[in-house]
Amino acid sequence: MKKDLKTACLFVHGIQGSPAQFCFLIERLPEDIRVRNLLLPGHGADVKAFRRSGQEQWLAAVRQAAEELRRQCARLIFVGHSMGCLLGLEIEHEHPGTFAEMVLLCCPFYVRPTARYFRNNLLASRPGRENDDVYVRAAREANSVTASHPAQYLTCAHSYLELLRLMRFVRKNGAIPACLFASFSRKRTRSSVPALPGLPRSALAQSRRSCPAAGIIGLLQRERNGPLIS
């Protein structure tokens, strides 16, 4: 099959997230890059639809999208946010070379919930108010799963347990080269990770988008010297 475009980019959002989170990146991409901004099963609807989905359906959707793009283009780049990163890493572990590049935004290798995290998500589940801070607004904009009452989200606990298992799988199966943008920084670290201090894992706040945008756009536009995927 003839590959009509050289590069494709697959975007995968996080748990309860939305493809709209990547619009600020996609609008800056060159026109000759094929884009697939995936909506994972169970997302973009209500809590009942979300409960009927799970890790296997999400992985299957990403695999299918990756296979279709690889048939159409010579080079496939993966961009994930939060849980979307874990889905991409598992697929790359299963089939090395699926992605020529991986860009991971706020990849949750470990769970470090804070009082601020719970506060932001609780406030984000309520109607918007003028005094909401930037992180609450970002979390609200990122959430694509609707509920008539915040307590309904508690019925989705099984999805988060699956997320913990996925984190363990990714940690256990070693490192895969990727461009990382972290949501926190530490004084002592052996990794070279561009840090975005204060950025909540659940959303990319508007004020924090310039750093990953500049880095990712530069990566996507870069011509690699190595062989392209076939």
Protein backbone atom coordinates (compact mmCIF):
# COMPACT_ATOMS: atom_id res chain seq x y z
CA MET A 1 0.00 0.00 0.00
CA LYS A 2 1.38 3.41 -0.94
CA LYS A 3 1.95 5.71 2.03
CA ASP A 4 0.71 9.10 0.93
CA LEU A 5 2.09 11.11 3.84
CA LYS A 6 5.45 10.92 5.54
CA THR A 7 4.37 11.58 9.15
CA ALA A 8 1.29 10.91 11.23
CA CYS A 9 0.58 11.93 14.79
CA LEU A 10 -1.69 10.02 17.17
CA PHE A 11 -3.04 11.92 20.18
CA VAL A 12 -4.48 9.99 23.14
CA HIS A 13 -6.07 11.74 26.12
CA GLY A 14 -6.19 10.58 29.75
CA ILE A 15 -8.86 8.99 31.90
CA GLN A 16 -12.10 10.99 31.74
CA GLY A 17 -10.23 13.33 29.39
CA SER A 18 -11.07 14.78 26.01
CA PRO A 19 -9.44 15.19 22.57
CA ALA A 20 -10.03 18.92 22.99
CA GLN A 21 -7.04 18.97 25.36
CA PHE A 22 -4.72 18.71 22.35
CA CYS A 23 -6.22 21.45 20.20
CA PHE A 24 -3.53 23.92 21.24
CA LEU A 25 -0.92 21.56 19.77
CA ILE A 26 -2.76 20.35 16.71
CA GLU A 27 -3.49 23.85 15.44
CA ARG A 28 0.26 24.47 15.23
CA LEU A 29 1.17 21.36 13.26
CA PRO A 30 2.29 21.55 9.63
CA GLU A 31 -0.47 20.78 7.14
CA ASP A 32 1.36 17.75 5.74
CA ILE A 33 1.08 15.82 9.02
CA ARG A 34 -1.86 13.45 9.29
CA VAL A 35 -3.56 13.82 12.69
CA ARG A 36 -5.71 11.34 14.59
CA ASN A 37 -7.08 12.83 17.82
CA LEU A 38 -8.64 9.82 19.46
CA LEU A 39 -11.72 9.78 21.68
CA LEU A 40 -11.42 6.69 23.88
CA PRO A 41 -14.45 4.42 24.37
CA GLY A 42 -16.76 5.53 27.17
CA HIS A 43 -15.56 9.13 27.04
CA GLY A 44 -17.45 12.14 25.76
CA ALA A 45 -20.63 10.84 27.39
CA ASP A 46 -22.12 10.26 30.85
CA VAL A 47 -20.92 8.20 33.80
CA LYS A 48 -23.02 5.17 32.75
CA ALA A 49 -21.25 4.97 29.38
CA PHE A 50 -17.87 5.43 31.05
CA ARG A 51 -18.51 2.55 33.47
CA ARG A 52 -19.14 0.22 30.54
CA SER A 53 -15.65 0.90 29.17
CA GLY A 54 -12.27 -0.12 30.51
CA GLN A 55 -8.59 -0.71 29.90
CA GLU A 56 -9.04 -3.43 27.28
CA GLN A 57 -11.37 -1.28 25.17
CA TRP A 58 -9.04 1.71 25.48
CA LEU A 59 -5.98 -0.31 24.46
CA ALA A 60 -7.86 -1.84 21.54
CA ALA A 61 -8.87 1.62 20.28
CA VAL A 62 -5.28 2.89 20.41
CA ARG A 63 -3.93 -0.25 18.72
CA GLN A 64 -6.46 0.05 15.90
CA ALA A 65 -5.69 3.73 15.35
CA ALA A 66 -1.95 3.07 15.34
CA GLU A 67 -2.27 0.22 12.84
CA GLU A 68 -4.37 2.34 10.49
CA LEU A 69 -1.93 5.26 10.62
CA ARG A 70 1.10 3.04 10.07
CA ARG A 71 -0.49 1.70 6.90
CA GLN A 72 -0.98 5.26 5.64
CA CYS A 73 2.23 6.99 6.74
CA ALA A 74 5.92 6.20 6.98
CA ARG A 75 6.47 7.66 10.46
CA LEU A 76 4.09 7.58 13.42
CA ILE A 77 4.47 9.87 16.42
CA PHE A 78 2.55 9.26 19.63
CA VAL A 79 1.43 12.08 21.93
CA GLY A 80 -0.31 11.08 25.14
CA HIS A 81 -1.56 12.81 28.25
CA SER A 82 -1.79 11.14 31.67
CA MET A 83 -3.35 7.66 31.22
CA GLY A 84 -2.99 8.06 27.45
CA CYS A 85 0.78 7.87 27.97
CA LEU A 86 0.45 4.51 29.73
CA LEU A 87 -1.67 3.08 26.92
CA GLY A 88 0.94 4.12 24.36
CA LEU A 89 3.81 2.71 26.43
CA GLU A 90 2.10 -0.67 26.81
CA ILE A 91 1.52 -0.90 23.06
CA GLU A 92 5.12 0.09 22.34
CA HIS A 93 6.28 -2.58 24.78
CA GLU A 94 4.11 -5.21 23.06
CA HIS A 95 5.22 -4.19 19.56
CA PRO A 96 8.53 -2.26 19.67
CA GLY A 97 8.86 0.23 16.85
CA THR A 98 5.17 0.98 16.58
CA PHE A 99 5.97 4.62 17.30
CA ALA A 100 8.96 6.46 15.85
CA GLU A 101 8.67 9.03 18.65
CA MET A 102 6.72 9.21 21.89
CA VAL A 103 5.78 12.45 23.65
CA LEU A 104 4.39 11.95 27.14
CA LEU A 105 2.61 14.75 28.99
CA CYS A 106 2.24 14.25 32.75
CA CYS A 107 2.74 10.49 32.58
CA PRO A 108 1.56 8.95 35.89
CA PHE A 109 4.25 6.37 36.66
CA TYR A 110 3.20 6.67 40.30
CA VAL A 111 0.14 8.02 42.08
CA ARG A 112 0.84 11.00 44.29
CA PRO A 113 -2.59 12.42 45.15
CA THR A 114 -2.57 15.66 47.09
CA ALA A 115 -5.21 17.71 48.86
CA ARG A 116 -4.98 20.17 46.00
CA TYR A 117 -5.70 17.42 43.46
CA PHE A 118 -8.90 16.35 45.25
CA ARG A 119 -9.94 19.97 45.78
CA ASN A 120 -9.48 20.85 42.11
CA ASN A 121 -11.43 17.85 40.88
CA LEU A 122 -14.23 18.36 43.40
CA LEU A 123 -14.63 21.98 42.38
CA ALA A 124 -14.31 21.05 38.70
CA SER A 125 -17.30 18.71 39.02
CA ARG A 126 -19.51 21.65 40.01
CA PRO A 127 -20.82 24.47 37.81
CA GLY A 128 -18.20 27.07 36.96
CA ARG A 129 -17.74 30.15 39.11
CA GLU A 130 -16.00 33.42 38.37
CA ASN A 131 -13.50 32.94 41.19
CA ASP A 132 -12.35 29.48 40.10
CA ASP A 133 -8.58 29.38 39.68
CA VAL A 134 -6.79 28.33 36.50
CA TYR A 135 -6.27 24.74 37.65
CA VAL A 136 -9.93 24.18 38.49
CA ARG A 137 -10.95 25.57 35.10
CA ALA A 138 -8.40 23.39 33.35
CA ALA A 139 -9.63 20.27 35.16
CA ARG A 140 -13.24 21.13 34.25
CA GLU A 141 -12.38 21.68 30.60
CA ALA A 142 -10.47 18.39 30.48
CA ASN A 143 -13.30 16.26 31.86
CA SER A 144 -15.48 14.73 29.14
CA VAL A 145 -17.52 12.44 31.43
CA THR A 146 -20.65 14.11 32.76
CA ALA A 147 -22.52 13.34 35.98
CA SER A 148 -25.66 14.74 37.55
CA HIS A 149 -23.93 14.67 40.96
CA PRO A 150 -20.23 14.49 41.92
CA ALA A 151 -20.89 11.33 43.95
CA GLN A 152 -21.58 9.45 40.72
CA TYR A 153 -17.88 9.55 39.88
CA LEU A 154 -17.26 7.23 42.85
CA THR A 155 -18.97 4.46 40.90
CA CYS A 156 -16.04 4.55 38.43
CA ALA A 157 -13.50 3.34 40.99
CA HIS A 158 -12.81 0.14 39.01
CA SER A 159 -11.41 2.19 36.13
CA TYR A 160 -8.88 3.80 38.44
CA LEU A 161 -7.89 0.40 39.83
CA GLU A 162 -7.18 -0.69 36.26
CA LEU A 163 -5.09 2.45 35.90
CA LEU A 164 -2.97 1.42 38.90
CA ARG A 165 -2.34 -1.99 37.32
CA LEU A 166 -1.32 -0.28 34.08
CA MET A 167 1.15 1.90 35.98
CA ARG A 168 2.75 -1.17 37.56
CA PHE A 169 3.03 -2.83 34.15
CA VAL A 170 4.80 0.17 32.66
CA ARG A 171 7.22 0.48 35.61
CA LYS A 172 7.98 -3.25 35.61
CA ASN A 173 8.75 -3.57 31.91
CA GLY A 174 11.57 -1.09 31.70
CA ALA A 175 12.23 2.23 30.05
CA ILE A 176 11.21 3.23 26.54
CA PRO A 177 12.87 6.31 24.98
CA ALA A 178 10.42 9.20 25.04
CA CYS A 179 10.17 12.95 25.36
CA LEU A 180 8.68 13.61 28.81
CA PHE A 181 6.97 16.67 30.20
CA ALA A 182 6.41 16.20 33.92
CA SER A 183 3.84 17.82 36.16
CA PHE A 184 6.21 18.15 39.10
CA SER A 185 9.91 18.53 39.78
CA ARG A 186 12.28 17.32 42.47
CA LYS A 187 15.58 18.73 43.61
CA ARG A 188 17.28 15.36 43.24
CA THR A 189 16.64 13.45 40.06
CA ARG A 190 18.70 11.40 37.63
CA SER A 191 16.34 11.93 34.74
CA SER A 192 16.32 14.77 32.28
CA VAL A 193 12.66 15.72 32.28
CA PRO A 194 11.31 19.16 31.37
CA ALA A 195 9.31 20.05 34.48
CA LEU A 196 6.13 22.09 34.68
CA PRO A 197 5.92 23.02 38.39
CA GLY A 198 2.42 23.05 39.81
CA LEU A 199 0.71 21.55 36.77
CA PRO A 200 -2.07 19.15 37.83
CA ARG A 201 -1.97 15.70 36.25
CA SER A 202 -5.60 15.91 35.21
CA ALA A 203 -5.26 18.86 32.85
CA LEU A 204 -2.93 21.17 30.97
CA ALA A 205 -3.63 24.62 32.34
CA GLN A 206 -3.64 27.40 29.75
CA SER A 207 -0.79 29.25 31.46
CA ARG A 208 1.46 26.17 31.35
CA ARG A 209 1.04 25.17 27.72
CA SER A 210 3.85 27.13 26.07
CA CYS A 211 6.64 24.84 27.29
CA PRO A 212 5.27 21.52 25.95
CA ALA A 213 3.90 23.22 22.86
CA ALA A 214 7.30 24.57 21.86
CA GLY A 215 9.06 21.29 22.60
CA ILE A 216 6.53 19.06 20.87
CA ILE A 217 6.19 21.22 17.79
CA GLY A 218 9.97 21.22 17.45
CA LEU A 219 10.02 17.43 17.75
CA LEU A 220 7.26 16.92 15.23
CA GLN A 221 8.94 19.16 12.69
CA ARG A 222 12.36 17.60 13.12
CA GLU A 223 13.70 15.35 10.38
CA ARG A 224 15.30 12.26 11.86
CA ASN A 225 18.52 10.85 10.45
CA GLY A 226 17.59 7.25 11.27
CA PRO A 227 15.42 4.93 9.15
CA LEU A 228 11.69 5.54 9.02
CA ILE A 229 9.30 2.88 10.21
CA SER A 230 7.88 0.61 7.54
